[in-house]
């Protein structure tokens, strides 16, 4: 089951998502920009997104707790997000991953293509990936 996060989820999210301050996470939850996936009512993963340039949905975080990985939960979260974004009228989605992370292969399997890179001092190259979600005619 996948649902939008609620304020009761904030402690779990902040425990694993160290980049986002509490007030920002609370706003993301209020704006329905965080999805939670459940297994037998247990929160096992989440997807957090925002809008790049206030126009393009950007997946900032996809996280599945270690004991629940490789069970399809990440794919379920991404597919639900894509469906909701398509229903909201968006045409393109964007995400990124470091070049030394295996997530790039996961996103490619889901149809994301490399579209650019960001070079930051002292870090591996950040691969920018996009997916066209327009309905084919």
C-alpha atoms as a PDB file:
ATOM      1  CA  UNK A   1       0.000   0.000   0.000  1.00  0.00           C
ATOM      2  CA  UNK A   2       1.187   3.518  -0.767  1.00  0.00           C
ATOM      3  CA  UNK A   3      -0.142   6.631   0.931  1.00  0.00           C
ATOM      4  CA  UNK A   4       0.884  10.231   1.374  1.00  0.00           C
ATOM      5  CA  UNK A   5       2.996  10.905   4.447  1.00  0.00           C
ATOM      6  CA  UNK A   6       1.350  12.451   7.499  1.00  0.00           C
ATOM      7  CA  UNK A   7       2.950  14.436  10.300  1.00  0.00           C
ATOM      8  CA  UNK A   8       3.190  11.236  12.421  1.00  0.00           C
ATOM      9  CA  UNK A   9       5.750   9.981   9.870  1.00  0.00           C
ATOM     10  CA  UNK A  10       8.148  12.899  10.349  1.00  0.00           C
ATOM     11  CA  UNK A  11      10.444  11.255  12.951  1.00  0.00           C
ATOM     12  CA  UNK A  12      11.081   8.223  10.756  1.00  0.00           C
ATOM     13  CA  UNK A  13      11.707  10.423   7.722  1.00  0.00           C
ATOM     14  CA  UNK A  14      14.125  12.737   9.536  1.00  0.00           C
ATOM     15  CA  UNK A  15      16.002   9.787  11.059  1.00  0.00           C
ATOM     16  CA  UNK A  16      16.983   8.618   7.562  1.00  0.00           C
ATOM     17  CA  UNK A  17      16.694  11.798   5.446  1.00  0.00           C
ATOM     18  CA  UNK A  18      19.341  14.057   7.003  1.00  0.00           C
ATOM     19  CA  UNK A  19      19.392  16.697   4.260  1.00  0.00           C
ATOM     20  CA  UNK A  20      15.991  18.223   5.031  1.00  0.00           C
ATOM     21  CA  UNK A  21      15.313  20.386   8.097  1.00  0.00           C
ATOM     22  CA  UNK A  22      12.221  19.566  10.179  1.00  0.00           C
ATOM     23  CA  UNK A  23      10.252  22.630   9.049  1.00  0.00           C
ATOM     24  CA  UNK A  24      10.891  21.845   5.373  1.00  0.00           C
ATOM     25  CA  UNK A  25       9.869  18.201   5.854  1.00  0.00           C
ATOM     26  CA  UNK A  26       6.705  19.304   7.633  1.00  0.00           C
ATOM     27  CA  UNK A  27       5.844  21.542   4.646  1.00  0.00           C
ATOM     28  CA  UNK A  28       6.611  18.729   2.186  1.00  0.00           C
ATOM     29  CA  UNK A  29       4.257  16.451   4.116  1.00  0.00           C
ATOM     30  CA  UNK A  30       1.539  19.128   4.230  1.00  0.00           C
ATOM     31  CA  UNK A  31       1.945  19.671   0.461  1.00  0.00           C
ATOM     32  CA  UNK A  32       1.651  15.921  -0.240  1.00  0.00           C
ATOM     33  CA  UNK A  33       5.164  15.734  -1.648  1.00  0.00           C
ATOM     34  CA  UNK A  34       6.141  12.632   0.320  1.00  0.00           C
ATOM     35  CA  UNK A  35       4.798   9.139  -0.374  1.00  0.00           C
ATOM     36  CA  UNK A  36       5.098   6.271   2.106  1.00  0.00           C
ATOM     37  CA  UNK A  37       5.026   2.579   1.145  1.00  0.00           C
ATOM     38  CA  UNK A  38       3.762   0.109   3.724  1.00  0.00           C
ATOM     39  CA  UNK A  39       4.159  -3.625   4.237  1.00  0.00           C
ATOM     40  CA  UNK A  40       1.611  -4.994   6.715  1.00  0.00           C
ATOM     41  CA  UNK A  41       1.075  -1.462   8.086  1.00  0.00           C
ATOM     42  CA  UNK A  42       4.852  -1.070   8.632  1.00  0.00           C
ATOM     43  CA  UNK A  43       6.476   1.955   6.939  1.00  0.00           C
ATOM     44  CA  UNK A  44       9.221   0.483   4.781  1.00  0.00           C
ATOM     45  CA  UNK A  45      10.154   3.285   2.377  1.00  0.00           C
ATOM     46  CA  UNK A  46       9.330   6.668   0.904  1.00  0.00           C
ATOM     47  CA  UNK A  47       9.685   8.984  -2.041  1.00  0.00           C
ATOM     48  CA  UNK A  48      10.115  12.735  -1.605  1.00  0.00           C
ATOM     49  CA  UNK A  49       9.882  15.201  -4.473  1.00  0.00           C
ATOM     50  CA  UNK A  50       9.741  18.882  -5.273  1.00  0.00           C
ATOM     51  CA  UNK A  51       9.392  21.069  -8.331  1.00  0.00           C
ATOM     52  CA  UNK A  52      12.503  22.103 -10.237  1.00  0.00           C
ATOM     53  CA  UNK A  53      12.083  25.705 -11.429  1.00  0.00           C
ATOM     54  CA  UNK A  54       8.553  25.442  -9.954  1.00  0.00           C
ATOM     55  CA  UNK A  55       7.596  23.540 -13.128  1.00  0.00           C
ATOM     56  CA  UNK A  56       9.221  20.111 -13.343  1.00  0.00           C
ATOM     57  CA  UNK A  57       8.692  17.363 -10.746  1.00  0.00           C
ATOM     58  CA  UNK A  58      12.078  16.344  -9.339  1.00  0.00           C
ATOM     59  CA  UNK A  59      12.420  13.201  -7.235  1.00  0.00           C
ATOM     60  CA  UNK A  60      14.732  14.260  -4.409  1.00  0.00           C
ATOM     61  CA  UNK A  61      14.745  11.056  -2.395  1.00  0.00           C
ATOM     62  CA  UNK A  62      13.778   7.446  -2.900  1.00  0.00           C
ATOM     63  CA  UNK A  63      14.572   5.346   0.139  1.00  0.00           C
ATOM     64  CA  UNK A  64      13.658   1.821   1.195  1.00  0.00           C
ATOM     65  CA  UNK A  65      14.771   0.515   4.587  1.00  0.00           C
ATOM     66  CA  UNK A  66      17.495  -2.130   4.233  1.00  0.00           C
ATOM     67  CA  UNK A  67      15.445  -5.208   5.256  1.00  0.00           C
ATOM     68  CA  UNK A  68      12.840  -4.389   2.586  1.00  0.00           C
ATOM     69  CA  UNK A  69      15.088  -3.714  -0.398  1.00  0.00           C
ATOM     70  CA  UNK A  70      14.871  -5.768  -3.616  1.00  0.00           C
ATOM     71  CA  UNK A  71      11.180  -6.486  -3.011  1.00  0.00           C
ATOM     72  CA  UNK A  72       9.804  -4.012  -5.556  1.00  0.00           C
ATOM     73  CA  UNK A  73       8.888  -1.220  -3.150  1.00  0.00           C
ATOM     74  CA  UNK A  74      11.099   1.370  -4.858  1.00  0.00           C
ATOM     75  CA  UNK A  75       9.547   0.560  -8.223  1.00  0.00           C
ATOM     76  CA  UNK A  76       6.050   0.790  -6.728  1.00  0.00           C
ATOM     77  CA  UNK A  77       6.790   4.213  -5.271  1.00  0.00           C
ATOM     78  CA  UNK A  78       8.221   5.555  -8.529  1.00  0.00           C
ATOM     79  CA  UNK A  79       5.343   4.165 -10.604  1.00  0.00           C
ATOM     80  CA  UNK A  80       2.752   5.694  -8.254  1.00  0.00           C
ATOM     81  CA  UNK A  81       4.547   9.063  -8.376  1.00  0.00           C
ATOM     82  CA  UNK A  82       4.737   8.932 -12.176  1.00  0.00           C
ATOM     83  CA  UNK A  83       1.016   8.113 -12.406  1.00  0.00           C
ATOM     84  CA  UNK A  84       0.097  11.004 -10.101  1.00  0.00           C
ATOM     85  CA  UNK A  85       2.374  13.436 -11.946  1.00  0.00           C
ATOM     86  CA  UNK A  86       0.905  12.399 -15.316  1.00  0.00           C
ATOM     87  CA  UNK A  87      -2.631  12.859 -13.912  1.00  0.00           C
ATOM     88  CA  UNK A  88      -1.594  16.345 -12.727  1.00  0.00           C
ATOM     89  CA  UNK A  89      -0.586  17.279 -16.280  1.00  0.00           C
ATOM     90  CA  UNK A  90       3.178  17.072 -16.019  1.00  0.00           C
ATOM     91  CA  UNK A  91       5.031  15.816 -19.097  1.00  0.00           C
ATOM     92  CA  UNK A  92       8.594  15.297 -17.898  1.00  0.00           C
ATOM     93  CA  UNK A  93      10.078  14.047 -14.623  1.00  0.00           C
ATOM     94  CA  UNK A  94      13.624  14.495 -13.367  1.00  0.00           C
ATOM     95  CA  UNK A  95      15.800  12.829 -10.762  1.00  0.00           C
ATOM     96  CA  UNK A  96      19.507  12.458 -10.100  1.00  0.00           C
ATOM     97  CA  UNK A  97      21.965  10.010  -8.613  1.00  0.00           C
ATOM     98  CA  UNK A  98      25.679   9.943  -8.005  1.00  0.00           C
ATOM     99  CA  UNK A  99      27.743   8.198 -10.657  1.00  0.00           C
ATOM    100  CA  UNK A 100      29.204   5.865  -8.019  1.00  0.00           C
ATOM    101  CA  UNK A 101      25.755   4.689  -6.855  1.00  0.00           C
ATOM    102  CA  UNK A 102      23.892   1.719  -8.308  1.00  0.00           C
ATOM    103  CA  UNK A 103      20.588   3.648  -8.356  1.00  0.00           C
ATOM    104  CA  UNK A 104      21.417   4.892 -11.856  1.00  0.00           C
ATOM    105  CA  UNK A 105      20.804   1.363 -13.192  1.00  0.00           C
ATOM    106  CA  UNK A 106      17.469   1.136 -11.376  1.00  0.00           C
ATOM    107  CA  UNK A 107      16.280   4.415 -12.900  1.00  0.00           C
ATOM    108  CA  UNK A 108      17.399   3.387 -16.386  1.00  0.00           C
ATOM    109  CA  UNK A 109      15.362   0.178 -16.076  1.00  0.00           C
ATOM    110  CA  UNK A 110      12.353   2.389 -15.329  1.00  0.00           C
ATOM    111  CA  UNK A 111      12.899   4.402 -18.513  1.00  0.00           C
ATOM    112  CA  UNK A 112      14.906   7.348 -17.202  1.00  0.00           C
ATOM    113  CA  UNK A 113      17.658   8.563 -19.502  1.00  0.00           C
ATOM    114  CA  UNK A 114      20.825  10.472 -18.739  1.00  0.00           C
ATOM    115  CA  UNK A 115      20.306  14.100 -19.628  1.00  0.00           C
ATOM    116  CA  UNK A 116      23.200  15.935 -17.982  1.00  0.00           C
ATOM    117  CA  UNK A 117      25.547  16.067 -15.048  1.00  0.00           C
ATOM    118  CA  UNK A 118      26.448  18.283 -12.136  1.00  0.00           C
ATOM    119  CA  UNK A 119      30.046  18.490 -10.981  1.00  0.00           C
ATOM    120  CA  UNK A 120      30.533  19.418  -7.343  1.00  0.00           C
ATOM    121  CA  UNK A 121      33.947  19.651  -5.667  1.00  0.00           C
ATOM    122  CA  UNK A 122      34.909  16.537  -3.760  1.00  0.00           C
ATOM    123  CA  UNK A 123      31.927  14.466  -4.919  1.00  0.00           C
ATOM    124  CA  UNK A 124      31.263  11.926  -7.627  1.00  0.00           C
ATOM    125  CA  UNK A 125      29.476  13.286 -10.693  1.00  0.00           C
ATOM    126  CA  UNK A 126      25.749  13.790 -10.135  1.00  0.00           C
ATOM    127  CA  UNK A 127      23.922  12.239 -13.089  1.00  0.00           C
ATOM    128  CA  UNK A 128      20.758  14.118 -14.026  1.00  0.00           C
ATOM    129  CA  UNK A 129      18.094  11.796 -15.439  1.00  0.00           C
ATOM    130  CA  UNK A 130      14.729  12.493 -17.046  1.00  0.00           C
ATOM    131  CA  UNK A 131      11.681  10.610 -18.228  1.00  0.00           C
ATOM    132  CA  UNK A 132       8.987  11.710 -20.647  1.00  0.00           C
ATOM    133  CA  UNK A 133       5.633  10.628 -19.163  1.00  0.00           C
ATOM    134  CA  UNK A 134       3.329  11.979 -21.856  1.00  0.00           C
ATOM    135  CA  UNK A 135       0.683   9.523 -22.950  1.00  0.00           C
ATOM    136  CA  UNK A 136       1.613   7.998 -26.310  1.00  0.00           C
ATOM    137  CA  UNK A 137      -1.017   8.437 -28.998  1.00  0.00           C
END
